[in-house]
Structure formats: C-alpha cells, structure tokens
Amino acid sequence: MLTDILTALNTPENLQKFTEAKENSGNEMLKMMQFVFPLVTQIQMDVIKNYGFSEGREGTVQFAQLIRALEREDAEVAQLHSQVRSYFLPPVTINSSTEASL
C-alpha cells in the first residue's frame, strides 16, 4: 500500500500540486498542514480504498493505526512510511550547539 501511495504521490499531476502547495506554504508548518497535508491525505485515501479500507476519515484512521503497528515490527514499512510523511513534514534541522546546551 505504501509503495502504491508513493507512486501516486509522484505522478506528474500530483507533483505539480505539491510544488504549488509547498510554494504557498513556504517553510511554515501550519501552512504545510493547511495546504500540503490535505493533498497527501486525499491521495492516500484514493489508494487505500483499493485495499478494502472505507473511504473517508474512518478508513484513513484505520490505515494509520495499521501502519504504525507494522512499522514497529518492519523496518521497510517504517522507511516507506517515512517517505510518505516527508511530503508534508518539512525537514527538521538540529542545531548541535543548542542540543549541547540542553
């Protein structure tokens, strides 16, 4: 399922949508959640319904719970899920001097 989601995320049409949404968001997390996250969620919902999950919020929640459980046991699932999350979560940079002062 995650591979199919990544394939769908990488279609030229969706990549264009992501580019526009990310440009509108800048580097602001709140705007990423407002513009980019719904795109990822919609694409994910379109894919998971092919695997028997119900459409809408309930199916998405069930899928998310399943993936969280599976990624604890399977490194490949965790890595694929991380790739999906990278579409809507900006990269986090850690300042080592700040980390050292903590």
PDB file of N, CA and C in Angstrom:
ATOM      1  N   MET A   1       0.819  -1.186   0.000  1.00  0.00           N
ATOM      2  CA  MET A   1       0.000   0.000   0.000  1.00  0.00           C
ATOM      3  C   MET A   1       0.863   1.250   0.000  1.00  0.00           C
ATOM      4  N   LEU A   2       1.897   1.271   0.831  1.00  0.00           N
ATOM      5  CA  LEU A   2       2.742   2.456   0.910  1.00  0.00           C
ATOM      6  C   LEU A   2       3.467   2.703  -0.408  1.00  0.00           C
ATOM      7  N   THR A   3       3.881   1.641  -1.069  1.00  0.00           N
ATOM      8  CA  THR A   3       4.530   1.784  -2.372  1.00  0.00           C
ATOM      9  C   THR A   3       3.564   2.381  -3.378  1.00  0.00           C
ATOM     10  N   ASP A   4       2.320   1.932  -3.354  1.00  0.00           N
ATOM     11  CA  ASP A   4       1.308   2.486  -4.253  1.00  0.00           C
ATOM     12  C   ASP A   4       1.019   3.952  -3.924  1.00  0.00           C
ATOM     13  N   ILE A   5       1.025   4.295  -2.663  1.00  0.00           N
ATOM     14  CA  ILE A   5       0.819   5.694  -2.265  1.00  0.00           C
ATOM     15  C   ILE A   5       1.973   6.549  -2.785  1.00  0.00           C
ATOM     16  N   LEU A   6       3.197   6.068  -2.615  1.00  0.00           N
ATOM     17  CA  LEU A   6       4.355   6.821  -3.106  1.00  0.00           C
ATOM     18  C   LEU A   6       4.312   6.977  -4.624  1.00  0.00           C
ATOM     19  N   THR A   7       3.882   5.932  -5.322  1.00  0.00           N
ATOM     20  CA  THR A   7       3.744   6.019  -6.780  1.00  0.00           C
ATOM     21  C   THR A   7       2.725   7.091  -7.146  1.00  0.00           C
ATOM     22  N   ALA A   8       1.595   7.098  -6.454  1.00  0.00           N
ATOM     23  CA  ALA A   8       0.548   8.094  -6.719  1.00  0.00           C
ATOM     24  C   ALA A   8       1.034   9.503  -6.382  1.00  0.00           C
ATOM     25  N   LEU A   9       1.786   9.638  -5.310  1.00  0.00           N
ATOM     26  CA  LEU A   9       2.309  10.946  -4.927  1.00  0.00           C
ATOM     27  C   LEU A   9       3.267  11.498  -5.981  1.00  0.00           C
ATOM     28  N   ASN A  10       3.932  10.608  -6.698  1.00  0.00           N
ATOM     29  CA  ASN A  10       4.956  11.020  -7.648  1.00  0.00           C
ATOM     30  C   ASN A  10       4.475  11.144  -9.088  1.00  0.00           C
ATOM     31  N   THR A  11       3.165  11.106  -9.314  1.00  0.00           N
ATOM     32  CA  THR A  11       2.683  11.328 -10.674  1.00  0.00           C
ATOM     33  C   THR A  11       2.937  12.802 -11.023  1.00  0.00           C
ATOM     34  N   PRO A  12       3.150  13.097 -12.296  1.00  0.00           N
ATOM     35  CA  PRO A  12       3.411  14.499 -12.683  1.00  0.00           C
ATOM     36  C   PRO A  12       2.320  15.456 -12.208  1.00  0.00           C
ATOM     37  N   GLU A  13       1.080  15.033 -12.303  1.00  0.00           N
ATOM     38  CA  GLU A  13      -0.035  15.885 -11.867  1.00  0.00           C
ATOM     39  C   GLU A  13       0.064  16.205 -10.377  1.00  0.00           C
ATOM     40  N   ASN A  14       0.312  15.187  -9.569  1.00  0.00           N
ATOM     41  CA  ASN A  14       0.399  15.404  -8.122  1.00  0.00           C
ATOM     42  C   ASN A  14       1.661  16.164  -7.730  1.00  0.00           C
ATOM     43  N   LEU A  15       2.756  15.908  -8.419  1.00  0.00           N
ATOM     44  CA  LEU A  15       3.979  16.647  -8.115  1.00  0.00           C
ATOM     45  C   LEU A  15       3.776  18.142  -8.368  1.00  0.00           C
ATOM     46  N   GLN A  16       3.028  18.474  -9.419  1.00  0.00           N
ATOM     47  CA  GLN A  16       2.726  19.877  -9.694  1.00  0.00           C
ATOM     48  C   GLN A  16       1.897  20.477  -8.562  1.00  0.00           C
ATOM     49  N   LYS A  17       0.898  19.721  -8.093  1.00  0.00           N
ATOM     50  CA  LYS A  17       0.065  20.194  -6.983  1.00  0.00           C
ATOM     51  C   LYS A  17       0.910  20.423  -5.731  1.00  0.00           C
ATOM     52  N   PHE A  18       1.847  19.496  -5.459  1.00  0.00           N
ATOM     53  CA  PHE A  18       2.707  19.636  -4.280  1.00  0.00           C
ATOM     54  C   PHE A  18       3.619  20.841  -4.402  1.00  0.00           C
ATOM     55  N   THR A  19       4.157  21.054  -5.589  1.00  0.00           N
ATOM     56  CA  THR A  19       5.035  22.206  -5.800  1.00  0.00           C
ATOM     57  C   THR A  19       4.292  23.496  -5.488  1.00  0.00           C
ATOM     58  N   GLU A  20       3.086  23.625  -6.005  1.00  0.00           N
ATOM     59  CA  GLU A  20       2.290  24.822  -5.761  1.00  0.00           C
ATOM     60  C   GLU A  20       1.940  24.967  -4.279  1.00  0.00           C
ATOM     61  N   ALA A  21       1.522  23.874  -3.668  1.00  0.00           N
ATOM     62  CA  ALA A  21       1.146  23.929  -2.251  1.00  0.00           C
ATOM     63  C   ALA A  21       2.347  24.263  -1.375  1.00  0.00           C
ATOM     64  N   LYS A  22       3.500  23.694  -1.682  1.00  0.00           N
ATOM     65  CA  LYS A  22       4.697  23.980  -0.881  1.00  0.00           C
ATOM     66  C   LYS A  22       5.163  25.416  -1.077  1.00  0.00           C
ATOM     67  N   GLU A  23       5.023  25.932  -2.301  1.00  0.00           N
ATOM     68  CA  GLU A  23       5.374  27.330  -2.532  1.00  0.00           C
ATOM     69  C   GLU A  23       4.464  28.244  -1.719  1.00  0.00           C
ATOM     70  N   ASN A  24       3.185  27.914  -1.654  1.00  0.00           N
ATOM     71  CA  ASN A  24       2.237  28.698  -0.872  1.00  0.00           C
ATOM     72  C   ASN A  24       2.515  28.602   0.629  1.00  0.00           C
ATOM     73  N   SER A  25       3.102  27.488   1.038  1.00  0.00           N
ATOM     74  CA  SER A  25       3.353  27.247   2.457  1.00  0.00           C
ATOM     75  C   SER A  25       4.640  27.869   2.957  1.00  0.00           C
ATOM     76  N   GLY A  26       5.587  28.029   2.053  1.00  0.00           N
ATOM     77  CA  GLY A  26       6.904  28.484   2.493  1.00  0.00           C
ATOM     78  C   GLY A  26       7.498  27.429   3.405  1.00  0.00           C
ATOM     79  N   ASN A  27       8.041  27.849   4.500  1.00  0.00           N
ATOM     80  CA  ASN A  27       8.634  26.913   5.452  1.00  0.00           C
ATOM     81  C   ASN A  27       7.849  26.906   6.755  1.00  0.00           C
ATOM     82  N   GLU A  28       6.557  27.266   6.672  1.00  0.00           N
ATOM     83  CA  GLU A  28       5.723  27.346   7.857  1.00  0.00           C
ATOM     84  C   GLU A  28       4.935  26.057   8.046  1.00  0.00           C
ATOM     85  N   MET A  29       5.114  25.437   9.185  1.00  0.00           N
ATOM     86  CA  MET A  29       4.477  24.149   9.469  1.00  0.00           C
ATOM     87  C   MET A  29       2.956  24.249   9.416  1.00  0.00           C
ATOM     88  N   LEU A  30       2.387  25.286   9.967  1.00  0.00           N
ATOM     89  CA  LEU A  30       0.938  25.430   9.974  1.00  0.00           C
ATOM     90  C   LEU A  30       0.387  25.489   8.551  1.00  0.00           C
ATOM     91  N   LYS A  31       1.067  26.224   7.689  1.00  0.00           N
ATOM     92  CA  LYS A  31       0.628  26.303   6.295  1.00  0.00           C
ATOM     93  C   LYS A  31       0.846  24.977   5.570  1.00  0.00           C
ATOM     94  N   MET A  32       1.897  24.251   5.918  1.00  0.00           N
ATOM     95  CA  MET A  32       2.107  22.922   5.326  1.00  0.00           C
ATOM     96  C   MET A  32       0.920  22.018   5.675  1.00  0.00           C
ATOM     97  N   MET A  33       0.479  22.093   6.917  1.00  0.00           N
ATOM     98  CA  MET A  33      -0.663  21.285   7.343  1.00  0.00           C
ATOM     99  C   MET A  33      -1.950  21.753   6.658  1.00  0.00           C
ATOM    100  N   GLN A  34      -2.023  23.006   6.334  1.00  0.00           N
ATOM    101  CA  GLN A  34      -3.213  23.563   5.703  1.00  0.00           C
ATOM    102  C   GLN A  34      -3.268  23.247   4.204  1.00  0.00           C
ATOM    103  N   PHE A  35      -2.132  23.298   3.515  1.00  0.00           N
ATOM    104  CA  PHE A  35      -2.130  23.161   2.061  1.00  0.00           C
ATOM    105  C   PHE A  35      -1.615  21.807   1.562  1.00  0.00           C
ATOM    106  N   VAL A  36      -0.566  21.281   2.175  1.00  0.00           N
ATOM    107  CA  VAL A  36       0.084  20.069   1.662  1.00  0.00           C
ATOM    108  C   VAL A  36      -0.524  18.807   2.261  1.00  0.00           C
ATOM    109  N   PHE A  37      -0.734  18.788   3.569  1.00  0.00           N
ATOM    110  CA  PHE A  37      -1.260  17.595   4.235  1.00  0.00           C
ATOM    111  C   PHE A  37      -2.575  17.103   3.622  1.00  0.00           C
ATOM    112  N   PRO A  38      -3.525  17.993   3.315  1.00  0.00           N
ATOM    113  CA  PRO A  38      -4.766  17.500   2.699  1.00  0.00           C
ATOM    114  C   PRO A  38      -4.545  16.815   1.336  1.00  0.00           C
ATOM    115  N   LEU A  39      -3.547  17.284   0.582  1.00  0.00           N
ATOM    116  CA  LEU A  39      -3.238  16.630  -0.697  1.00  0.00           C
ATOM    117  C   LEU A  39      -2.752  15.201  -0.469  1.00  0.00           C
ATOM    118  N   VAL A  40      -1.832  15.052   0.479  1.00  0.00           N
ATOM    119  CA  VAL A  40      -1.308  13.718   0.787  1.00  0.00           C
ATOM    120  C   VAL A  40      -2.430  12.820   1.285  1.00  0.00           C
ATOM    121  N   THR A  41      -3.259  13.346   2.155  1.00  0.00           N
ATOM    122  CA  THR A  41      -4.370  12.568   2.718  1.00  0.00           C
ATOM    123  C   THR A  41      -5.332  12.111   1.627  1.00  0.00           C
ATOM    124  N   GLN A  42      -5.676  12.993   0.703  1.00  0.00           N
ATOM    125  CA  GLN A  42      -6.607  12.637  -0.362  1.00  0.00           C
ATOM    126  C   GLN A  42      -6.028  11.560  -1.270  1.00  0.00           C
ATOM    127  N   ILE A  43      -4.766  11.699  -1.617  1.00  0.00           N
ATOM    128  CA  ILE A  43      -4.112  10.699  -2.469  1.00  0.00           C
ATOM    129  C   ILE A  43      -4.048   9.368  -1.728  1.00  0.00           C
ATOM    130  N   GLN A  44      -3.704   9.417  -0.455  1.00  0.00           N
ATOM    131  CA  GLN A  44      -3.648   8.204   0.359  1.00  0.00           C
ATOM    132  C   GLN A  44      -5.019   7.535   0.416  1.00  0.00           C
ATOM    133  N   MET A  45      -6.075   8.315   0.612  1.00  0.00           N
ATOM    134  CA  MET A  45      -7.432   7.763   0.681  1.00  0.00           C
ATOM    135  C   MET A  45      -7.815   7.107  -0.645  1.00  0.00           C
ATOM    136  N   ASP A  46      -7.416   7.726  -1.756  1.00  0.00           N
ATOM    137  CA  ASP A  46      -7.723   7.156  -3.064  1.00  0.00           C
ATOM    138  C   ASP A  46      -7.048   5.798  -3.250  1.00  0.00           C
ATOM    139  N   VAL A  47      -5.847   5.646  -2.701  1.00  0.00           N
ATOM    140  CA  VAL A  47      -5.106   4.386  -2.849  1.00  0.00           C
ATOM    141  C   VAL A  47      -5.629   3.316  -1.891  1.00  0.00           C
ATOM    142  N   ILE A  48      -5.842   3.669  -0.627  1.00  0.00           N
ATOM    143  CA  ILE A  48      -6.170   2.631   0.361  1.00  0.00           C
ATOM    144  C   ILE A  48      -7.558   2.045   0.165  1.00  0.00           C
ATOM    145  N   LYS A  49      -8.448   2.784  -0.500  1.00  0.00           N
ATOM    146  CA  LYS A  49      -9.771   2.205  -0.761  1.00  0.00           C
ATOM    147  C   LYS A  49      -9.664   0.995  -1.684  1.00  0.00           C
ATOM    148  N   ASN A  50      -8.592   0.936  -2.483  1.00  0.00           N
ATOM    149  CA  ASN A  50      -8.349  -0.233  -3.342  1.00  0.00           C
ATOM    150  C   ASN A  50      -7.933  -1.459  -2.536  1.00  0.00           C
ATOM    151  N   TYR A  51      -7.613  -1.261  -1.264  1.00  0.00           N
ATOM    152  CA  TYR A  51      -7.197  -2.352  -0.382  1.00  0.00           C
ATOM    153  C   TYR A  51      -8.268  -2.685   0.648  1.00  0.00           C
ATOM    154  N   GLY A  52      -9.477  -2.189   0.424  1.00  0.00           N
ATOM    155  CA  GLY A  52     -10.587  -2.544   1.291  1.00  0.00           C
ATOM    156  C   GLY A  52     -10.865  -1.601   2.440  1.00  0.00           C
ATOM    157  N   PHE A  53     -10.095  -0.528   2.560  1.00  0.00           N
ATOM    158  CA  PHE A  53     -10.378   0.450   3.606  1.00  0.00           C
ATOM    159  C   PHE A  53     -11.537   1.318   3.159  1.00  0.00           C
ATOM    160  N   SER A  54     -12.383   1.693   4.118  1.00  0.00           N
ATOM    161  CA  SER A  54     -13.523   2.529   3.766  1.00  0.00           C
ATOM    162  C   SER A  54     -13.036   3.929   3.402  1.00  0.00           C
ATOM    163  N   GLU A  55     -13.848   4.602   2.587  1.00  0.00           N
ATOM    164  CA  GLU A  55     -13.496   5.959   2.195  1.00  0.00           C
ATOM    165  C   GLU A  55     -13.763   6.900   3.367  1.00  0.00           C
ATOM    166  N   GLY A  56     -13.008   7.959   3.415  1.00  0.00           N
ATOM    167  CA  GLY A  56     -13.227   8.951   4.444  1.00  0.00           C
ATOM    168  C   GLY A  56     -12.318   8.786   5.644  1.00  0.00           C
ATOM    169  N   ARG A  57     -12.692   9.502   6.682  1.00  0.00           N
ATOM    170  CA  ARG A  57     -11.873   9.574   7.895  1.00  0.00           C
ATOM    171  C   ARG A  57     -11.659   8.217   8.554  1.00  0.00           C
ATOM    172  N   GLU A  58     -12.701   7.424   8.649  1.00  0.00           N
ATOM    173  CA  GLU A  58     -12.595   6.135   9.337  1.00  0.00           C
ATOM    174  C   GLU A  58     -11.549   5.229   8.687  1.00  0.00           C
ATOM    175  N   GLY A  59     -11.586   5.124   7.378  1.00  0.00           N
ATOM    176  CA  GLY A  59     -10.612   4.302   6.669  1.00  0.00           C
ATOM    177  C   GLY A  59      -9.202   4.821   6.835  1.00  0.00           C
ATOM    178  N   THR A  60      -9.062   6.137   6.805  1.00  0.00           N
ATOM    179  CA  THR A  60      -7.742   6.750   6.975  1.00  0.00           C
ATOM    180  C   THR A  60      -7.187   6.481   8.362  1.00  0.00           C
ATOM    181  N   VAL A  61      -8.029   6.575   9.365  1.00  0.00           N
ATOM    182  CA  VAL A  61      -7.598   6.310  10.742  1.00  0.00           C
ATOM    183  C   VAL A  61      -7.200   4.841  10.895  1.00  0.00           C
ATOM    184  N   GLN A  62      -7.990   3.936  10.356  1.00  0.00           N
ATOM    185  CA  GLN A  62      -7.669   2.503  10.430  1.00  0.00           C
ATOM    186  C   GLN A  62      -6.334   2.220   9.738  1.00  0.00           C
ATOM    187  N   PHE A  63      -6.137   2.826   8.582  1.00  0.00           N
ATOM    188  CA  PHE A  63      -4.885   2.641   7.848  1.00  0.00           C
ATOM    189  C   PHE A  63      -3.704   3.158   8.671  1.00  0.00           C
ATOM    190  N   ALA A  64      -3.844   4.353   9.235  1.00  0.00           N
ATOM    191  CA  ALA A  64      -2.758   4.937  10.024  1.00  0.00           C
ATOM    192  C   ALA A  64      -2.414   4.061  11.226  1.00  0.00           C
ATOM    193  N   GLN A  65      -3.414   3.520  11.897  1.00  0.00           N
ATOM    194  CA  GLN A  65      -3.172   2.640  13.039  1.00  0.00           C
ATOM    195  C   GLN A  65      -2.450   1.368  12.606  1.00  0.00           C
ATOM    196  N   LEU A  66      -2.868   0.808  11.481  1.00  0.00           N
ATOM    197  CA  LEU A  66      -2.224  -0.400  10.968  1.00  0.00           C
ATOM    198  C   LEU A  66      -0.761  -0.131  10.632  1.00  0.00           C
ATOM    199  N   ILE A  67      -0.509   0.970   9.944  1.00  0.00           N
ATOM    200  CA  ILE A  67       0.865   1.289   9.547  1.00  0.00           C
ATOM    201  C   ILE A  67       1.736   1.543  10.774  1.00  0.00           C
ATOM    202  N   ARG A  68       1.219   2.256  11.766  1.00  0.00           N
ATOM    203  CA  ARG A  68       2.006   2.493  12.988  1.00  0.00           C
ATOM    204  C   ARG A  68       2.369   1.174  13.671  1.00  0.00           C
ATOM    205  N   ALA A  69       1.441   0.244  13.700  1.00  0.00           N
ATOM    206  CA  ALA A  69       1.720  -1.050  14.320  1.00  0.00           C
ATOM    207  C   ALA A  69       2.751  -1.829  13.506  1.00  0.00           C
ATOM    208  N   LEU A  70       2.603  -1.814  12.190  1.00  0.00           N
ATOM    209  CA  LEU A  70       3.511  -2.571  11.327  1.00  0.00           C
ATOM    210  C   LEU A  70       4.923  -1.980  11.296  1.00  0.00           C
ATOM    211  N   GLU A  71       5.020  -0.662  11.367  1.00  0.00           N
ATOM    212  CA  GLU A  71       6.345  -0.061  11.266  1.00  0.00           C
ATOM    213  C   GLU A  71       7.209  -0.345  12.496  1.00  0.00           C
ATOM    214  N   ARG A  72       6.587  -0.694  13.593  1.00  0.00           N
ATOM    215  CA  ARG A  72       7.361  -1.089  14.786  1.00  0.00           C
ATOM    216  C   ARG A  72       8.048  -2.440  14.572  1.00  0.00           C
ATOM    217  N   GLU A  73       7.454  -3.259  13.720  1.00  0.00           N
ATOM    218  CA  GLU A  73       7.951  -4.612  13.502  1.00  0.00           C
ATOM    219  C   GLU A  73       8.755  -4.762  12.216  1.00  0.00           C
ATOM    220  N   ASP A  74       8.602  -3.836  11.277  1.00  0.00           N
ATOM    221  CA  ASP A  74       9.195  -3.998   9.957  1.00  0.00           C
ATOM    222  C   ASP A  74       9.891  -2.706   9.540  1.00  0.00           C
ATOM    223  N   ALA A  75      11.207  -2.766   9.391  1.00  0.00           N
ATOM    224  CA  ALA A  75      11.992  -1.584   9.039  1.00  0.00           C
ATOM    225  C   ALA A  75      11.620  -1.046   7.661  1.00  0.00           C
ATOM    226  N   GLU A  76      11.266  -1.918   6.738  1.00  0.00           N
ATOM    227  CA  GLU A  76      10.896  -1.455   5.396  1.00  0.00           C
ATOM    228  C   GLU A  76       9.603  -0.638   5.441  1.00  0.00           C
ATOM    229  N   VAL A  77       8.641  -1.095   6.217  1.00  0.00           N
ATOM    230  CA  VAL A  77       7.387  -0.348   6.371  1.00  0.00           C
ATOM    231  C   VAL A  77       7.689   1.009   7.004  1.00  0.00           C
ATOM    232  N   ALA A  78       8.539   1.024   8.012  1.00  0.00           N
ATOM    233  CA  ALA A  78       8.896   2.282   8.671  1.00  0.00           C
ATOM    234  C   ALA A  78       9.570   3.234   7.687  1.00  0.00           C
ATOM    235  N   GLN A  79      10.438   2.713   6.854  1.00  0.00           N
ATOM    236  CA  GLN A  79      11.148   3.545   5.882  1.00  0.00           C
ATOM    237  C   GLN A  79      10.182   4.092   4.828  1.00  0.00           C
ATOM    238  N   LEU A  80       9.279   3.265   4.330  1.00  0.00           N
ATOM    239  CA  LEU A  80       8.293   3.714   3.341  1.00  0.00           C
ATOM    240  C   LEU A  80       7.346   4.752   3.941  1.00  0.00           C
ATOM    241  N   HIS A  81       6.933   4.520   5.177  1.00  0.00           N
ATOM    242  CA  HIS A  81       6.043   5.478   5.843  1.00  0.00           C
ATOM    243  C   HIS A  81       6.760   6.806   6.050  1.00  0.00           C
ATOM    244  N   SER A  82       8.033   6.757   6.349  1.00  0.00           N
ATOM    245  CA  SER A  82       8.833   7.965   6.496  1.00  0.00           C
ATOM    246  C   SER A  82       8.876   8.741   5.177  1.00  0.00           C
ATOM    247  N   GLN A  83       8.970   8.023   4.073  1.00  0.00           N
ATOM    248  CA  GLN A  83       8.967   8.680   2.761  1.00  0.00           C
ATOM    249  C   GLN A  83       7.634   9.384   2.505  1.00  0.00           C
ATOM    250  N   VAL A  84       6.543   8.740   2.868  1.00  0.00           N
ATOM    251  CA  VAL A  84       5.228   9.358   2.697  1.00  0.00           C
ATOM    252  C   VAL A  84       5.132  10.613   3.564  1.00  0.00           C
ATOM    253  N   ARG A  85       5.550  10.504   4.820  1.00  0.00           N
ATOM    254  CA  ARG A  85       5.491  11.652   5.737  1.00  0.00           C
ATOM    255  C   ARG A  85       6.344  12.818   5.257  1.00  0.00           C
ATOM    256  N   SER A  86       7.427  12.524   4.537  1.00  0.00           N
ATOM    257  CA  SER A  86       8.316  13.593   4.073  1.00  0.00           C
ATOM    258  C   SER A  86       7.620  14.542   3.103  1.00  0.00           C
ATOM    259  N   TYR A  87       6.496  14.131   2.548  1.00  0.00           N
ATOM    260  CA  TYR A  87       5.756  15.012   1.651  1.00  0.00           C
ATOM    261  C   TYR A  87       5.088  16.157   2.394  1.00  0.00           C
ATOM    262  N   PHE A  88       4.725  15.952   3.638  1.00  0.00           N
ATOM    263  CA  PHE A  88       4.024  17.007   4.356  1.00  0.00           C
ATOM    264  C   PHE A  88       4.728  17.487   5.615  1.00  0.00           C
ATOM    265  N   LEU A  89       5.784  16.823   6.012  1.00  0.00           N
ATOM    266  CA  LEU A  89       6.556  17.280   7.166  1.00  0.00           C
ATOM    267  C   LEU A  89       7.871  17.859   6.663  1.00  0.00           C
ATOM    268  N   PRO A  90       8.131  19.138   6.936  1.00  0.00           N
ATOM    269  CA  PRO A  90       9.391  19.725   6.477  1.00  0.00           C
ATOM    270  C   PRO A  90      10.569  19.074   7.192  1.00  0.00           C
ATOM    271  N   PRO A  91      11.735  19.086   6.548  1.00  0.00           N
ATOM    272  CA  PRO A  91      12.907  18.513   7.202  1.00  0.00           C
ATOM    273  C   PRO A  91      13.226  19.274   8.484  1.00  0.00           C
ATOM    274  N   VAL A  92      13.649  18.543   9.485  1.00  0.00           N
ATOM    275  CA  VAL A  92      13.980  19.139  10.770  1.00  0.00           C
ATOM    276  C   VAL A  92      15.498  19.211  10.877  1.00  0.00           C
ATOM    277  N   THR A  93      15.976  20.407  11.106  1.00  0.00           N
ATOM    278  CA  THR A  93      17.415  20.562  11.307  1.00  0.00           C
ATOM    279  C   THR A  93      17.661  20.767  12.785  1.00  0.00           C
ATOM    280  N   ILE A  94      18.679  20.100  13.273  1.00  0.00           N
ATOM    281  CA  ILE A  94      19.021  20.190  14.686  1.00  0.00           C
ATOM    282  C   ILE A  94      20.328  20.961  14.800  1.00  0.00           C
ATOM    283  N   ASN A  95      20.280  22.011  15.571  1.00  0.00           N
ATOM    284  CA  ASN A  95      21.459  22.803  15.810  1.00  0.00           C
ATOM    285  C   ASN A  95      22.246  22.148  16.933  1.00  0.00           C
ATOM    286  N   SER A  96      23.444  21.665  16.625  1.00  0.00           N
ATOM    287  CA  SER A  96      24.214  20.919  17.622  1.00  0.00           C
ATOM    288  C   SER A  96      24.612  21.783  18.816  1.00  0.00           C
ATOM    289  N   SER A  97      24.791  23.083  18.634  1.00  0.00           N
ATOM    290  CA  SER A  97      25.136  23.925  19.780  1.00  0.00           C
ATOM    291  C   SER A  97      23.957  24.070  20.721  1.00  0.00           C
ATOM    292  N   THR A  98      22.750  24.130  20.165  1.00  0.00           N
ATOM    293  CA  THR A  98      21.548  24.190  21.000  1.00  0.00           C
ATOM    294  C   THR A  98      21.373  22.859  21.725  1.00  0.00           C
ATOM    295  N   GLU A  99      21.611  21.778  21.024  1.00  0.00           N
ATOM    296  CA  GLU A  99      21.464  20.440  21.610  1.00  0.00           C
ATOM    297  C   GLU A  99      22.471  20.266  22.756  1.00  0.00           C
ATOM    298  N   ALA A 100      23.683  20.768  22.570  1.00  0.00           N
ATOM    299  CA  ALA A 100      24.708  20.618  23.604  1.00  0.00           C
ATOM    300  C   ALA A 100      24.353  21.429  24.857  1.00  0.00           C
ATOM    301  N   SER A 101      23.668  22.567  24.668  1.00  0.00           N
ATOM    302  CA  SER A 101      23.331  23.386  25.828  1.00  0.00           C
ATOM    303  C   SER A 101      22.168  22.802  26.632  1.00  0.00           C
ATOM    304  N   LEU A 102      21.419  21.904  26.030  1.00  0.00           N
ATOM    305  CA  LEU A 102      20.329  21.281  26.746  1.00  0.00           C
ATOM    306  C   LEU A 102      20.887  20.260  27.665  1.00  0.00           C
TER     307      LEU A 102
END
